[in-house]
C-alpha atoms as a PDB file:
ATOM      1  CA  MET A   1     152.471 214.159 260.730  1.00  0.00           C
ATOM      2  CA  ARG A   2     148.903 215.440 261.045  1.00  0.00           C
ATOM      3  CA  ASN A   3     148.217 218.840 262.598  1.00  0.00           C
ATOM      4  CA  GLY A   4     151.704 218.970 264.074  1.00  0.00           C
ATOM      5  CA  GLN A   5     151.364 215.497 265.536  1.00  0.00           C
ATOM      6  CA  SER A   6     152.999 212.151 265.000  1.00  0.00           C
ATOM      7  CA  VAL A   7     151.191 208.864 264.705  1.00  0.00           C
ATOM      8  CA  PHE A   8     151.476 206.063 267.212  1.00  0.00           C
ATOM      9  CA  SER A   9     150.355 202.599 266.232  1.00  0.00           C
ATOM     10  CA  VAL A  10     147.927 201.228 268.776  1.00  0.00           C
ATOM     11  CA  VAL A  11     147.164 197.544 268.426  1.00  0.00           C
ATOM     12  CA  THR A  12     145.402 197.152 271.736  1.00  0.00           C
ATOM     13  CA  ARG A  13     144.740 199.179 274.834  1.00  0.00           C
ATOM     14  CA  ARG A  14     145.635 196.215 277.024  1.00  0.00           C
ATOM     15  CA  VAL A  15     149.230 195.667 278.106  1.00  0.00           C
ATOM     16  CA  PHE A  16     150.015 191.962 278.150  1.00  0.00           C
ATOM     17  CA  LEU A  17     152.056 190.825 281.139  1.00  0.00           C
ATOM     18  CA  VAL A  18     153.533 187.417 280.393  1.00  0.00           C
ATOM     19  CA  SER A  19     156.189 185.514 282.318  1.00  0.00           C
ATOM     20  CA  GLY A  20     158.434 182.499 281.908  1.00  0.00           C
ATOM     21  CA  ALA A  21     158.771 180.576 278.653  1.00  0.00           C
ATOM     22  CA  ALA A  22     156.252 182.778 276.843  1.00  0.00           C
ATOM     23  CA  ALA A  23     158.592 185.727 277.241  1.00  0.00           C
ATOM     24  CA  VAL A  24     161.496 183.773 275.789  1.00  0.00           C
ATOM     25  CA  SER A  25     159.517 183.090 272.608  1.00  0.00           C
ATOM     26  CA  ALA A  26     158.334 186.687 272.308  1.00  0.00           C
ATOM     27  CA  THR A  27     161.059 187.988 269.995  1.00  0.00           C
ATOM     28  CA  ARG A  28     159.437 190.164 267.333  1.00  0.00           C
ATOM     29  CA  ALA A  29     156.085 189.506 268.950  1.00  0.00           C
ATOM     30  CA  LEU A  30     154.569 192.692 267.543  1.00  0.00           C
ATOM     31  CA  ALA A  31     151.242 192.505 265.751  1.00  0.00           C
ATOM     32  CA  ALA A  32     151.526 191.657 262.055  1.00  0.00           C
ATOM     33  CA  GLU A  33     149.165 194.401 260.813  1.00  0.00           C
ATOM     34  CA  PRO A  34     149.316 197.491 263.026  1.00  0.00           C
ATOM     35  CA  ARG A  35     146.603 200.150 262.914  1.00  0.00           C
ATOM     36  CA  CYS A  36     147.848 203.749 262.877  1.00  0.00           C
ATOM     37  CA  THR A  37     146.306 206.084 265.444  1.00  0.00           C
ATOM     38  CA  LEU A  38     147.198 209.734 265.961  1.00  0.00           C
ATOM     39  CA  VAL A  39     149.145 210.771 269.048  1.00  0.00           C
ATOM     40  CA  SER A  40     150.903 214.029 269.929  1.00  0.00           C
ATOM     41  CA  GLU A  41     154.594 214.728 269.764  1.00  0.00           C
ATOM     42  CA  GLN A  42     156.146 214.984 273.226  1.00  0.00           C
ATOM     43  CA  GLU A  43     158.851 217.226 274.549  1.00  0.00           C
ATOM     44  CA  GLU A  44     162.563 216.545 274.221  1.00  0.00           C
ATOM     45  CA  GLY A  45     163.553 217.709 277.721  1.00  0.00           C
ATOM     46  CA  PRO A  46     166.868 219.230 278.802  1.00  0.00           C
ATOM     47  CA  TYR A  47     168.987 216.062 278.905  1.00  0.00           C
ATOM     48  CA  TYR A  48     169.343 215.300 275.204  1.00  0.00           C
ATOM     49  CA  VAL A  49     172.924 214.896 273.984  1.00  0.00           C
ATOM     50  CA  GLU A  50     173.542 214.732 270.261  1.00  0.00           C
ATOM     51  CA  ALA A  51     175.690 212.168 268.447  1.00  0.00           C
ATOM     52  CA  ALA A  52     174.633 209.055 270.380  1.00  0.00           C
ATOM     53  CA  LYS A  53     176.717 205.950 269.756  1.00  0.00           C
ATOM     54  CA  LEU A  54     175.312 203.276 267.466  1.00  0.00           C
ATOM     55  CA  ARG A  55     174.965 200.328 269.833  1.00  0.00           C
ATOM     56  CA  GLN A  56     172.404 197.867 271.128  1.00  0.00           C
ATOM     57  CA  VAL A  57     173.609 197.413 274.730  1.00  0.00           C
ATOM     58  CA  ILE A  58     173.563 200.765 276.541  1.00  0.00           C
ATOM     59  CA  THR A  59     173.676 199.787 280.225  1.00  0.00           C
ATOM     60  CA  GLU A  60     177.453 200.073 280.703  1.00  0.00           C
ATOM     61  CA  ASP A  61     178.011 199.593 284.457  1.00  0.00           C
ATOM     62  CA  ARG A  62     174.654 200.813 285.733  1.00  0.00           C
ATOM     63  CA  PRO A  63     172.693 198.484 288.036  1.00  0.00           C
ATOM     64  CA  GLY A  64     168.973 197.848 287.685  1.00  0.00           C
ATOM     65  CA  VAL A  65     166.261 195.577 286.340  1.00  0.00           C
ATOM     66  CA  PRO A  66     167.074 194.497 282.746  1.00  0.00           C
ATOM     67  CA  LEU A  67     164.785 195.795 280.005  1.00  0.00           C
ATOM     68  CA  ARG A  68     164.777 194.653 276.392  1.00  0.00           C
ATOM     69  CA  LEU A  69     163.120 197.432 274.438  1.00  0.00           C
ATOM     70  CA  GLN A  70     161.853 196.204 271.062  1.00  0.00           C
ATOM     71  CA  VAL A  71     160.542 198.866 268.680  1.00  0.00           C
ATOM     72  CA  ARG A  72     159.128 198.650 265.176  1.00  0.00           C
ATOM     73  CA  VAL A  73     159.007 201.887 263.185  1.00  0.00           C
ATOM     74  CA  VAL A  74     156.454 202.068 260.358  1.00  0.00           C
ATOM     75  CA  ASN A  75     155.462 204.618 257.744  1.00  0.00           C
ATOM     76  CA  ALA A  76     152.302 206.385 258.932  1.00  0.00           C
ATOM     77  CA  LYS A  77     151.137 206.868 255.346  1.00  0.00           C
ATOM     78  CA  THR A  78     151.179 203.156 254.526  1.00  0.00           C
ATOM     79  CA  CYS A  79     151.854 201.359 257.847  1.00  0.00           C
ATOM     80  CA  ALA A  80     154.662 199.540 256.010  1.00  0.00           C
ATOM     81  CA  PRO A  81     157.942 198.961 257.891  1.00  0.00           C
ATOM     82  CA  LEU A  82     160.349 201.895 257.727  1.00  0.00           C
ATOM     83  CA  PRO A  83     163.920 200.618 257.212  1.00  0.00           C
ATOM     84  CA  ASN A  84     167.118 202.649 257.671  1.00  0.00           C
ATOM     85  CA  ALA A  85     165.601 204.971 260.255  1.00  0.00           C
ATOM     86  CA  ALA A  86     167.760 205.930 263.229  1.00  0.00           C
ATOM     87  CA  PHE A  87     165.983 205.280 266.527  1.00  0.00           C
ATOM     88  CA  ASP A  88     167.614 207.234 269.368  1.00  0.00           C
ATOM     89  CA  ILE A  89     166.862 206.702 273.097  1.00  0.00           C
ATOM     90  CA  TRP A  90     168.089 208.130 276.394  1.00  0.00           C
ATOM     91  CA  HIS A  91     166.893 207.863 279.991  1.00  0.00           C
ATOM     92  CA  CYS A  92     168.044 208.148 283.599  1.00  0.00           C
ATOM     93  CA  ASP A  93     169.429 205.317 285.723  1.00  0.00           C
ATOM     94  CA  ALA A  94     167.827 203.696 288.767  1.00  0.00           C
ATOM     95  CA  GLN A  95     168.842 206.668 290.943  1.00  0.00           C
ATOM     96  CA  GLY A  96     167.437 209.283 288.569  1.00  0.00           C
ATOM     97  CA  VAL A  97     170.837 210.283 287.127  1.00  0.00           C
ATOM     98  CA  TYR A  98     171.346 211.102 283.432  1.00  0.00           C
ATOM     99  CA  SER A  99     174.698 210.479 281.791  1.00  0.00           C
ATOM    100  CA  GLY A 100     176.330 213.690 280.675  1.00  0.00           C
ATOM    101  CA  PHE A 101     174.844 215.414 283.748  1.00  0.00           C
ATOM    102  CA  THR A 102     176.146 213.228 286.579  1.00  0.00           C
ATOM    103  CA  ALA A 103     177.269 216.208 288.716  1.00  0.00           C
ATOM    104  CA  MET A 104     173.607 217.074 289.180  1.00  0.00           C
ATOM    105  CA  GLY A 105     172.960 213.851 291.055  1.00  0.00           C
ATOM    106  CA  ALA A 106     169.455 212.435 291.076  1.00  0.00           C
ATOM    107  CA  GLY A 107     167.682 215.062 289.018  1.00  0.00           C
ATOM    108  CA  PHE A 108     167.331 218.195 291.163  1.00  0.00           C
ATOM    109  CA  ALA A 109     167.110 216.319 294.432  1.00  0.00           C
ATOM    110  CA  PRO A 110     170.052 215.649 296.773  1.00  0.00           C
ATOM    111  CA  GLY A 111     173.842 221.916 298.510  1.00  0.00           C
ATOM    112  CA  GLY A 112     171.498 224.563 297.245  1.00  0.00           C
ATOM    113  CA  PRO A 113     168.554 224.684 294.939  1.00  0.00           C
ATOM    114  CA  GLY A 114     169.087 222.617 291.855  1.00  0.00           C
ATOM    115  CA  ARG A 115     172.348 221.124 293.143  1.00  0.00           C
ATOM    116  CA  PRO A 116     173.110 217.611 294.370  1.00  0.00           C
ATOM    117  CA  GLY A 117     172.238 217.288 298.050  1.00  0.00           C
ATOM    118  CA  GLY A 118     169.642 220.049 298.095  1.00  0.00           C
ATOM    119  CA  PRO A 119     166.048 220.806 297.215  1.00  0.00           C
ATOM    120  CA  PRO A 120     164.884 221.461 293.667  1.00  0.00           C
ATOM    121  CA  PRO A 121     164.751 225.069 292.503  1.00  0.00           C
ATOM    122  CA  GLU A 122     161.453 226.889 292.865  1.00  0.00           C
ATOM    123  CA  GLY A 123     159.010 225.694 290.260  1.00  0.00           C
ATOM    124  CA  PHE A 124     160.662 222.325 289.574  1.00  0.00           C
ATOM    125  CA  GLY A 125     159.056 220.178 292.243  1.00  0.00           C
ATOM    126  CA  PRO A 126     155.789 218.269 292.245  1.00  0.00           C
ATOM    127  CA  PRO A 127     152.438 220.024 292.654  1.00  0.00           C
ATOM    128  CA  PRO A 128     151.455 222.482 294.052  1.00  0.00           C
ATOM    129  CA  ASN A 129     154.775 224.165 293.229  1.00  0.00           C
ATOM    130  CA  GLY A 130     154.329 223.484 289.526  1.00  0.00           C
ATOM    131  CA  PHE A 131     156.756 222.613 286.781  1.00  0.00           C
ATOM    132  CA  GLY A 132     157.658 225.966 285.229  1.00  0.00           C
ATOM    133  CA  PRO A 133     161.197 227.347 285.016  1.00  0.00           C
ATOM    134  CA  PRO A 134     162.605 229.074 288.099  1.00  0.00           C
ATOM    135  CA  PRO A 135     163.425 232.780 287.998  1.00  0.00           C
ATOM    136  CA  GLY A 136     166.989 233.682 287.112  1.00  0.00           C
ATOM    137  CA  PRO A 137     169.593 231.508 285.403  1.00  0.00           C
ATOM    138  CA  PRO A 138     169.140 227.764 285.009  1.00  0.00           C
ATOM    139  CA  PRO A 139     171.097 225.272 287.123  1.00  0.00           C
ATOM    140  CA  ASP A 140     174.684 224.574 286.101  1.00  0.00           C
ATOM    141  CA  GLY A 141     174.845 222.140 283.215  1.00  0.00           C
ATOM    142  CA  PHE A 142     172.069 223.636 281.097  1.00  0.00           C
ATOM    143  CA  GLY A 143     172.707 227.154 279.826  1.00  0.00           C
ATOM    144  CA  GLY A 144     171.175 228.799 276.811  1.00  0.00           C
ATOM    145  CA  PRO A 145     167.521 229.415 276.085  1.00  0.00           C
ATOM    146  CA  GLY A 146     164.805 227.152 274.778  1.00  0.00           C
ATOM    147  CA  ARG A 147     166.081 223.620 274.439  1.00  0.00           C
ATOM    148  CA  GLY A 148     168.970 224.232 276.838  1.00  0.00           C
ATOM    149  CA  ARG A 149     171.462 224.057 273.977  1.00  0.00           C
ATOM    150  CA  GLY A 150     171.637 227.705 272.979  1.00  0.00           C
ATOM    151  CA  PRO A 151     174.603 230.064 272.985  1.00  0.00           C
ATOM    152  CA  GLY A 152     175.107 229.754 276.734  1.00  0.00           C
ATOM    153  CA  ALA A 153     177.561 227.242 278.189  1.00  0.00           C
ATOM    154  CA  ARG A 154     176.228 223.726 278.693  1.00  0.00           C
ATOM    155  CA  ASN A 155     178.413 221.630 280.952  1.00  0.00           C
ATOM    156  CA  ILE A 156     178.144 218.061 279.675  1.00  0.00           C
ATOM    157  CA  ASP A 157     180.511 215.431 281.053  1.00  0.00           C
ATOM    158  CA  LYS A 158     181.875 212.473 279.084  1.00  0.00           C
ATOM    159  CA  THR A 159     179.570 209.774 280.471  1.00  0.00           C
ATOM    160  CA  ARG A 160     177.100 208.238 278.016  1.00  0.00           C
ATOM    161  CA  PHE A 161     175.426 205.353 279.874  1.00  0.00           C
ATOM    162  CA  LEU A 162     171.794 204.625 278.956  1.00  0.00           C
ATOM    163  CA  ARG A 163     172.100 206.441 275.633  1.00  0.00           C
ATOM    164  CA  GLY A 164     172.226 204.821 272.239  1.00  0.00           C
ATOM    165  CA  LEU A 165     170.982 204.650 268.694  1.00  0.00           C
ATOM    166  CA  GLN A 166     170.064 201.788 266.368  1.00  0.00           C
ATOM    167  CA  ILE A 167     169.278 201.670 262.641  1.00  0.00           C
ATOM    168  CA  THR A 168     166.018 199.914 261.781  1.00  0.00           C
ATOM    169  CA  ASP A 169     166.301 196.769 259.676  1.00  0.00           C
ATOM    170  CA  GLN A 170     164.152 195.804 256.685  1.00  0.00           C
ATOM    171  CA  ASP A 171     161.278 195.027 259.061  1.00  0.00           C
ATOM    172  CA  GLY A 172     161.580 198.460 260.673  1.00  0.00           C
ATOM    173  CA  MET A 173     162.890 196.818 263.865  1.00  0.00           C
ATOM    174  CA  VAL A 174     165.397 197.814 266.529  1.00  0.00           C
ATOM    175  CA  GLU A 175     166.077 196.329 269.937  1.00  0.00           C
ATOM    176  CA  PHE A 176     167.947 197.848 272.874  1.00  0.00           C
ATOM    177  CA  ARG A 177     169.292 196.133 275.977  1.00  0.00           C
ATOM    178  CA  THR A 178     168.849 198.665 278.732  1.00  0.00           C
ATOM    179  CA  LEU A 179     167.433 199.023 282.265  1.00  0.00           C
ATOM    180  CA  TYR A 180     164.031 199.855 283.689  1.00  0.00           C
ATOM    181  CA  PRO A 181     164.348 203.628 284.300  1.00  0.00           C
ATOM    182  CA  GLY A 182     164.364 205.233 287.724  1.00  0.00           C
ATOM    183  CA  TRP A 183     162.895 208.621 288.621  1.00  0.00           C
ATOM    184  CA  TYR A 184     163.734 212.136 289.769  1.00  0.00           C
ATOM    185  CA  GLU A 185     161.813 215.188 291.011  1.00  0.00           C
ATOM    186  CA  GLY A 186     158.787 216.144 288.972  1.00  0.00           C
ATOM    187  CA  ARG A 187     158.736 213.361 286.349  1.00  0.00           C
ATOM    188  CA  THR A 188     157.247 209.917 286.173  1.00  0.00           C
ATOM    189  CA  ILE A 189     159.507 207.184 284.803  1.00  0.00           C
ATOM    190  CA  HIS A 190     160.007 207.475 281.049  1.00  0.00           C
ATOM    191  CA  ILE A 191     162.344 206.794 278.144  1.00  0.00           C
ATOM    192  CA  HIS A 192     163.042 209.578 275.655  1.00  0.00           C
ATOM    193  CA  MET A 193     163.169 208.777 271.945  1.00  0.00           C
ATOM    194  CA  LYS A 194     163.789 210.369 268.556  1.00  0.00           C
ATOM    195  CA  VAL A 195     163.441 209.038 265.022  1.00  0.00           C
ATOM    196  CA  HIS A 196     165.956 210.421 262.515  1.00  0.00           C
ATOM    197  CA  LEU A 197     165.851 209.918 258.734  1.00  0.00           C
ATOM    198  CA  ALA A 198     167.998 210.679 255.679  1.00  0.00           C
ATOM    199  CA  GLY A 199     171.229 210.931 257.672  1.00  0.00           C
ATOM    200  CA  THR A 200     174.485 208.967 257.592  1.00  0.00           C
ATOM    201  CA  ALA A 201     175.377 206.239 260.077  1.00  0.00           C
ATOM    202  CA  GLY A 202     178.953 205.720 261.298  1.00  0.00           C
ATOM    203  CA  GLU A 203     180.046 205.536 264.915  1.00  0.00           C
ATOM    204  CA  THR A 204     177.251 208.075 265.416  1.00  0.00           C
ATOM    205  CA  TYR A 205     174.436 209.352 263.184  1.00  0.00           C
ATOM    206  CA  GLN A 206     174.968 212.584 261.297  1.00  0.00           C
ATOM    207  CA  GLY A 207     172.690 214.815 259.239  1.00  0.00           C
ATOM    208  CA  GLY A 208     169.155 214.122 258.120  1.00  0.00           C
ATOM    209  CA  HIS A 209     166.085 215.310 259.983  1.00  0.00           C
ATOM    210  CA  VAL A 210     164.079 214.314 263.059  1.00  0.00           C
ATOM    211  CA  CYS A 211     160.564 213.129 262.163  1.00  0.00           C
ATOM    212  CA  HIS A 212     159.456 212.258 265.697  1.00  0.00           C
ATOM    213  CA  THR A 213     160.344 213.209 269.275  1.00  0.00           C
ATOM    214  CA  GLY A 214     158.546 211.400 272.065  1.00  0.00           C
ATOM    215  CA  GLN A 215     158.666 209.487 275.320  1.00  0.00           C
ATOM    216  CA  ILE A 216     157.895 205.895 276.234  1.00  0.00           C
ATOM    217  CA  PHE A 217     155.959 205.242 279.449  1.00  0.00           C
ATOM    218  CA  LEU A 218     155.588 201.935 281.262  1.00  0.00           C
ATOM    219  CA  PRO A 219     152.606 200.700 283.330  1.00  0.00           C
ATOM    220  CA  GLU A 220     152.276 202.372 286.708  1.00  0.00           C
ATOM    221  CA  GLU A 221     151.472 199.104 288.459  1.00  0.00           C
ATOM    222  CA  VAL A 222     154.750 197.590 287.239  1.00  0.00           C
ATOM    223  CA  THR A 223     156.766 200.659 288.234  1.00  0.00           C
ATOM    224  CA  GLU A 224     155.235 200.483 291.717  1.00  0.00           C
ATOM    225  CA  ARG A 225     156.660 196.976 292.121  1.00  0.00           C
ATOM    226  CA  ILE A 226     160.030 197.875 290.595  1.00  0.00           C
ATOM    227  CA  ALA A 227     160.342 200.827 293.016  1.00  0.00           C
ATOM    228  CA  LYS A 228     160.507 198.374 295.927  1.00  0.00           C
ATOM    229  CA  LEU A 229     163.505 196.540 294.478  1.00  0.00           C
ATOM    230  CA  SER A 230     167.197 197.402 294.839  1.00  0.00           C
ATOM    231  CA  PRO A 231     168.709 199.722 293.646  1.00  0.00           C
ATOM    232  CA  TYR A 232     165.507 201.690 292.974  1.00  0.00           C
ATOM    233  CA  ALA A 233     164.395 201.559 296.611  1.00  0.00           C
ATOM    234  CA  GLU A 234     167.530 203.491 297.631  1.00  0.00           C
ATOM    235  CA  ASN A 235     166.067 206.514 295.809  1.00  0.00           C
ATOM    236  CA  SER A 236     163.101 206.703 298.186  1.00  0.00           C
ATOM    237  CA  ARG A 237     164.160 210.147 299.491  1.00  0.00           C
ATOM    238  CA  VAL A 238     162.968 211.559 296.159  1.00  0.00           C
ATOM    239  CA  HIS A 239     159.199 211.648 295.632  1.00  0.00           C
ATOM    240  CA  ARG A 240     158.282 209.245 292.837  1.00  0.00           C
ATOM    241  CA  THR A 241     156.000 211.230 290.573  1.00  0.00           C
ATOM    242  CA  THR A 242     153.162 209.089 289.279  1.00  0.00           C
ATOM    243  CA  GLN A 243     151.652 209.344 285.810  1.00  0.00           C
ATOM    244  CA  ALA A 244     148.665 211.157 287.345  1.00  0.00           C
ATOM    245  CA  GLU A 245     151.065 213.860 288.640  1.00  0.00           C
ATOM    246  CA  ASP A 246     153.294 214.102 285.563  1.00  0.00           C
ATOM    247  CA  HIS A 247     152.858 217.129 283.274  1.00  0.00           C
ATOM    248  CA  VAL A 248     154.034 215.359 280.103  1.00  0.00           C
ATOM    249  CA  PHE A 249     151.881 212.298 280.650  1.00  0.00           C
ATOM    250  CA  GLN A 250     148.813 214.392 281.452  1.00  0.00           C
ATOM    251  CA  GLU A 251     149.252 217.261 278.967  1.00  0.00           C
ATOM    252  CA  GLN A 252     150.914 215.497 276.030  1.00  0.00           C
ATOM    253  CA  HIS A 253     148.740 212.423 275.564  1.00  0.00           C
ATOM    254  CA  GLY A 254     150.749 209.957 277.631  1.00  0.00           C
ATOM    255  CA  ALA A 255     147.724 207.694 278.028  1.00  0.00           C
ATOM    256  CA  GLU A 256     147.513 207.275 274.243  1.00  0.00           C
ATOM    257  CA  GLN A 257     151.218 206.600 274.108  1.00  0.00           C
ATOM    258  CA  ILE A 258     151.123 203.911 276.775  1.00  0.00           C
ATOM    259  CA  ALA A 259     148.276 202.254 274.887  1.00  0.00           C
ATOM    260  CA  GLY A 260     150.771 201.722 272.070  1.00  0.00           C
ATOM    261  CA  LEU A 261     152.814 199.469 274.337  1.00  0.00           C
ATOM    262  CA  GLU A 262     151.758 196.167 272.848  1.00  0.00           C
ATOM    263  CA  ARG A 263     153.419 193.811 275.276  1.00  0.00           C
ATOM    264  CA  LEU A 264     155.408 194.001 278.495  1.00  0.00           C
ATOM    265  CA  MET A 265     156.666 190.513 279.259  1.00  0.00           C
ATOM    266  CA  LYS A 266     158.627 189.593 282.326  1.00  0.00           C
ATOM    267  CA  HIS A 267     161.233 186.866 282.509  1.00  0.00           C
ATOM    268  CA  GLY A 268     160.128 185.085 285.693  1.00  0.00           C
ATOM    269  CA  ARG A 269     160.501 187.416 288.670  1.00  0.00           C
ATOM    270  CA  ASP A 270     160.376 191.193 288.257  1.00  0.00           C
ATOM    271  CA  SER A 271     164.076 191.388 289.127  1.00  0.00           C
ATOM    272  CA  ASP A 272     164.896 189.090 286.183  1.00  0.00           C
ATOM    273  CA  GLY A 273     163.777 191.732 283.706  1.00  0.00           C
ATOM    274  CA  PHE A 274     161.206 192.589 281.054  1.00  0.00           C
ATOM    275  CA  LEU A 275     160.672 192.693 277.304  1.00  0.00           C
ATOM    276  CA  ALA A 276     158.729 195.759 276.120  1.00  0.00           C
ATOM    277  CA  SER A 277     157.353 195.735 272.552  1.00  0.00           C
ATOM    278  CA  ILE A 278     156.018 198.815 270.836  1.00  0.00           C
ATOM    279  CA  THR A 279     155.211 200.034 267.312  1.00  0.00           C
ATOM    280  CA  LEU A 280     155.737 203.646 266.296  1.00  0.00           C
ATOM    281  CA  ALA A 281     154.245 205.062 263.101  1.00  0.00           C
ATOM    282  CA  VAL A 282     155.817 208.261 261.801  1.00  0.00           C
ATOM    283  CA  ASP A 283     155.546 210.480 258.749  1.00  0.00           C
ATOM    284  CA  PRO A 284     159.003 210.104 257.165  1.00  0.00           C
ATOM    285  CA  ASP A 285     158.640 213.459 255.358  1.00  0.00           C
ATOM    286  CA  ALA A 286     157.694 215.488 258.446  1.00  0.00           C
ATOM    287  CA  THR A 287     159.942 217.618 260.639  1.00  0.00           C
ATOM    288  CA  PRO A 288     157.646 218.447 263.576  1.00  0.00           C
ATOM    289  CA  ALA A 289     158.313 221.499 265.736  1.00  0.00           C
ATOM    290  CA  LEU A 290     159.517 220.807 269.255  1.00  0.00           C
ATOM    291  CA  VAL A 291     156.774 220.456 271.845  1.00  0.00           C
ATOM    292  CA  GLY A 292     157.071 222.281 275.175  1.00  0.00           C
ATOM    293  CA  PRO A 293     160.040 224.310 276.368  1.00  0.00           C
ATOM    294  CA  GLY A 294     162.445 221.380 276.050  1.00  0.00           C
ATOM    295  CA  GLY A 295     164.360 222.989 278.876  1.00  0.00           C
ATOM    296  CA  PHE A 296     164.170 223.874 282.508  1.00  0.00           C
ATOM    297  CA  GLY A 297     162.352 221.345 284.635  1.00  0.00           C
ATOM    298  CA  ARG A 298     160.977 219.491 281.664  1.00  0.00           C
ATOM    299  CA  GLY A 299     163.061 216.330 281.673  1.00  0.00           C
END
């Protein structure tokens, strides 16, 4: 960590879109000698649930465009692979729903403010309403100050789709089988991530410390095409926030982060799925402070 920031390895500022047989041969297609370039930590958001299951396939029964997410974690001090790190991801489904918070529906869109079937609470929607927290108590399911996990009640259901954790191998590699994320009010499509170190792996990961919290973004031009496919198109009642409208992307160096996406390869048609390859360089000794409120309206 440098100046409260993590390091993202940027090999190129071009995202390679490759289809067909080239995608099949792209396993571990990351650059052999990554260059480490500084990028800011990004906020955790209110939908984090601790103790993710150790598993590679996290889709469960959720429909959507398949996404193989291939990540290499390296030591920012040396750029050498970082083995035995726990890489933790979570994101919403094609309709903008997070597991653990399914009663909320598609984010804060579709009863009353902040409830399924109604408008978002004041301050949660897209500009010009802003992204700050609404006055009064948070919507049901959050509770507590700050990160949304304080002393107040936090109503989390038992669902855990599109959440998982993998331990990096000797090459610093993990790979998840997931779905291209959908969207909800106020946020562009994204995948949340954490890197944990010095803990113990069992059915879940316990102990240790978090050395990076961030978000993965995917190219806007690809998302625009995905949004026209089923089941994503059924979420058209909710405004799809673009990267230009998104507070995290604009205020927390999302453009630098997306530059770290080394390859996005599609398997034939868009509906057949994609392989996304990325390298993340972290300081294994750092425990960065959380960025942003990590709570209301900051998913």
